[in-house]
Amino acid sequence: MEAPTPTLKLASLKEAKTIASLSRDEIEAGLGWRWRADAITAMIRDPDAIVVCAYVPTGNNTADQFAGFGIMQYELDHAHLNLLAVVPNYRRLGIARELLLWLEKSALVAGIDTVALEVRAVNVPARSFYRNAGYLENEYLRHYYRTPDGKSEAAYRMHRSLRERRFRPS
């Protein structure tokens, strides 16, 4: 598949279910579903958060297709990347990178120069993606996530100063 150029736009309330479904299937699989449509709707409405969606052209004169999303919340001194996901068919085409860069730029515009996030320890591709984007694994969180059966799963807390160089060359 040729790498499509995504169009990024702020999410609307009608996209909350689509975003929630992608989160359930691709981010929260095995953890229980926390980011349901009502939680996504709250983020879309939150003046201290940004929800951005990526769309790619289909090439057959139909509407562009949803390809991914990112959610970032802003605090006084840092931003927190809550969720970032790309539809499996559109992975490894630079869409996650475009979403992340857009969210980081919005943080800089808001006067924030540090971003933090948590990622499942077992999600090696995501950890690699964030490391390549300049994020550092600065804390191992042994029992960060809880599964529906009461077990726990580890995560890494990562952070990045936006004043430093962005993505490393491939």
Protein backbone atom coordinates (compact mmCIF):
# COMPACT_ATOMS: atom_id res chain seq x y z
CA MET A 1 0.00 0.00 0.00
CA GLU A 2 1.34 3.41 -0.97
CA ALA A 3 1.64 5.73 2.00
CA PRO A 4 -1.43 7.98 1.96
CA THR A 5 -1.15 11.55 3.15
CA PRO A 6 -3.47 11.79 6.15
CA THR A 7 -5.78 14.70 6.78
CA LEU A 8 -5.80 15.58 10.47
CA LYS A 9 -8.80 17.26 12.05
CA LEU A 10 -10.28 17.80 15.47
CA ALA A 11 -12.67 15.04 16.43
CA SER A 12 -16.39 15.65 16.46
CA LEU A 13 -18.87 14.05 18.83
CA LYS A 14 -20.07 11.72 16.07
CA GLU A 15 -16.58 10.13 15.99
CA ALA A 16 -16.59 9.17 19.68
CA LYS A 17 -17.90 5.62 19.06
CA THR A 18 -15.36 4.96 16.31
CA ILE A 19 -12.51 6.20 18.50
CA ALA A 20 -13.74 4.18 21.48
CA SER A 21 -13.98 1.02 19.39
CA LEU A 22 -10.42 1.41 18.10
CA SER A 23 -9.20 2.00 21.66
CA ARG A 24 -11.02 -1.12 22.88
CA ASP A 25 -9.71 -3.32 20.08
CA GLU A 26 -6.15 -2.04 19.69
CA ILE A 27 -5.07 -0.36 22.93
CA GLU A 28 -7.17 -1.84 25.72
CA ALA A 29 -7.46 -5.43 24.47
CA GLY A 30 -7.25 -7.73 27.48
CA LEU A 31 -7.49 -4.88 29.99
CA GLY A 32 -11.21 -4.20 30.05
CA TRP A 33 -12.73 -1.28 28.24
CA ARG A 34 -12.22 2.05 30.03
CA TRP A 35 -12.25 4.48 27.09
CA ARG A 36 -15.85 4.04 26.02
CA ALA A 37 -17.75 6.54 23.89
CA ASP A 38 -18.82 8.59 26.93
CA ALA A 39 -15.19 8.99 28.06
CA ILE A 40 -14.14 9.99 24.53
CA THR A 41 -17.04 12.45 24.35
CA ALA A 42 -15.86 13.99 27.63
CA MET A 43 -12.37 14.45 26.14
CA ILE A 44 -13.79 16.02 22.97
CA ARG A 45 -15.74 18.48 25.13
CA ASP A 46 -12.89 19.13 27.60
CA PRO A 47 -11.30 22.56 26.96
CA ASP A 48 -8.02 21.22 28.38
CA ALA A 49 -7.82 18.31 25.93
CA ILE A 50 -7.41 17.77 22.20
CA VAL A 51 -8.78 14.81 20.28
CA VAL A 52 -7.48 14.63 16.72
CA CYS A 53 -8.43 12.16 13.99
CA ALA A 54 -6.53 11.08 10.89
CA TYR A 55 -8.34 10.36 7.65
CA VAL A 56 -6.88 8.97 4.45
CA PRO A 57 -8.22 9.26 0.92
CA THR A 58 -9.82 6.12 -0.45
CA GLY A 59 -9.05 6.96 -4.06
CA ASN A 60 -12.48 5.95 -5.31
CA ASN A 61 -14.42 9.21 -4.97
CA THR A 62 -15.90 8.23 -1.60
CA ALA A 63 -15.41 9.85 1.77
CA ASP A 64 -11.96 9.66 3.32
CA GLN A 65 -11.52 6.72 5.68
CA PHE A 66 -10.84 6.98 9.42
CA ALA A 67 -7.25 5.85 10.02
CA GLY A 68 -6.45 6.75 13.61
CA PHE A 69 -6.64 9.20 16.47
CA GLY A 70 -4.78 10.76 19.37
CA ILE A 71 -5.93 12.28 22.66
CA MET A 72 -3.81 14.68 24.66
CA GLN A 73 -4.68 16.47 27.92
CA TYR A 74 -2.98 19.64 29.07
CA GLU A 75 -1.93 20.36 32.63
CA LEU A 76 -0.20 23.49 33.89
CA ASP A 77 3.34 22.26 33.28
CA HIS A 78 3.03 19.26 30.97
CA ALA A 79 0.79 17.44 28.52
CA HIS A 80 -0.30 13.83 28.85
CA LEU A 81 -0.82 11.64 25.81
CA ASN A 82 -3.80 9.54 26.88
CA LEU A 83 -4.30 7.48 23.73
CA LEU A 84 -2.81 7.11 20.26
CA ALA A 85 -3.91 4.43 17.82
CA VAL A 86 -3.89 3.69 14.11
CA VAL A 87 -6.23 1.28 12.31
CA PRO A 88 -4.18 -1.88 11.60
CA ASN A 89 -4.45 -1.58 7.80
CA TYR A 90 -2.83 1.87 7.99
CA ARG A 91 0.06 1.08 10.34
CA ARG A 92 3.68 1.69 9.40
CA LEU A 93 2.67 4.42 6.95
CA GLY A 94 3.62 7.41 9.11
CA ILE A 95 0.11 8.18 10.38
CA ALA A 96 0.97 7.71 14.08
CA ARG A 97 3.98 9.95 13.57
CA GLU A 98 1.81 12.65 11.97
CA LEU A 99 -0.72 12.44 14.79
CA LEU A 100 2.00 12.65 17.45
CA LEU A 101 3.76 15.58 15.77
CA TRP A 102 0.45 17.46 15.49
CA LEU A 103 -0.34 16.88 19.16
CA GLU A 104 3.18 17.90 20.21
CA LYS A 105 2.92 21.10 18.16
CA SER A 106 -0.40 21.91 19.83
CA ALA A 107 1.26 21.46 23.22
CA LEU A 108 4.02 23.89 22.25
CA VAL A 109 1.43 26.42 21.10
CA ALA A 110 -0.21 26.04 24.52
CA GLY A 111 3.15 26.88 26.15
CA ILE A 112 3.87 23.31 27.26
CA ASP A 113 7.22 21.72 26.49
CA THR A 114 6.97 18.31 28.19
CA VAL A 115 4.79 15.35 27.24
CA ALA A 116 4.26 12.23 29.33
CA LEU A 117 2.54 8.93 28.53
CA GLU A 118 2.18 5.36 29.73
CA VAL A 119 2.55 2.35 27.46
CA ARG A 120 2.05 -1.34 28.13
CA ALA A 121 5.38 -3.00 28.84
CA VAL A 122 4.51 -5.85 26.47
CA ASN A 123 3.80 -3.43 23.60
CA VAL A 124 7.32 -3.46 22.18
CA PRO A 125 6.38 -1.83 18.84
CA ALA A 126 4.75 1.14 20.61
CA ARG A 127 7.68 1.53 22.99
CA SER A 128 10.06 1.53 20.03
CA PHE A 129 7.90 4.08 18.20
CA TYR A 130 7.98 6.45 21.18
CA ARG A 131 11.73 5.96 21.74
CA ASN A 132 12.32 6.82 18.06
CA ALA A 133 10.23 9.94 18.62
CA GLY A 134 12.57 11.00 21.43
CA TYR A 135 10.65 9.70 24.44
CA LEU A 136 12.54 8.17 27.35
CA GLU A 137 11.35 5.28 29.49
CA ASN A 138 11.80 6.89 32.84
CA GLU A 139 9.72 4.67 35.13
CA TYR A 140 8.67 1.02 35.18
CA LEU A 141 5.19 0.63 36.67
CA ARG A 142 4.88 -3.00 37.73
CA HIS A 143 1.11 -3.19 38.42
CA TYR A 144 -0.12 -0.22 36.41
CA TYR A 145 -2.99 -1.85 34.52
CA ARG A 146 -5.68 -4.11 35.98
CA THR A 147 -7.29 -6.84 33.92
CA PRO A 148 -10.96 -7.81 34.32
CA ASP A 149 -9.90 -11.03 36.10
CA GLY A 150 -8.01 -9.05 38.76
CA LYS A 151 -4.50 -9.60 37.45
CA SER A 152 -2.13 -6.76 36.68
CA GLU A 153 0.02 -5.73 33.78
CA ALA A 154 3.14 -3.58 33.77
CA ALA A 155 3.67 -0.31 31.93
CA TYR A 156 6.43 2.17 31.27
CA ARG A 157 5.98 5.85 31.92
CA MET A 158 7.72 7.78 29.19
CA HIS A 159 8.35 11.46 28.74
CA ARG A 160 9.87 13.85 26.28
CA SER A 161 11.03 17.43 26.28
CA LEU A 162 9.64 19.10 23.16
CA ARG A 163 12.64 21.42 23.08
CA GLU A 164 14.81 18.50 21.93
CA ARG A 165 15.09 17.18 18.39
CA ARG A 166 12.05 15.34 17.05
CA PHE A 167 12.03 12.00 15.25
CA ARG A 168 15.38 10.45 14.53
CA PRO A 169 16.11 9.68 10.89
CA SER A 170 15.01 6.17 9.87
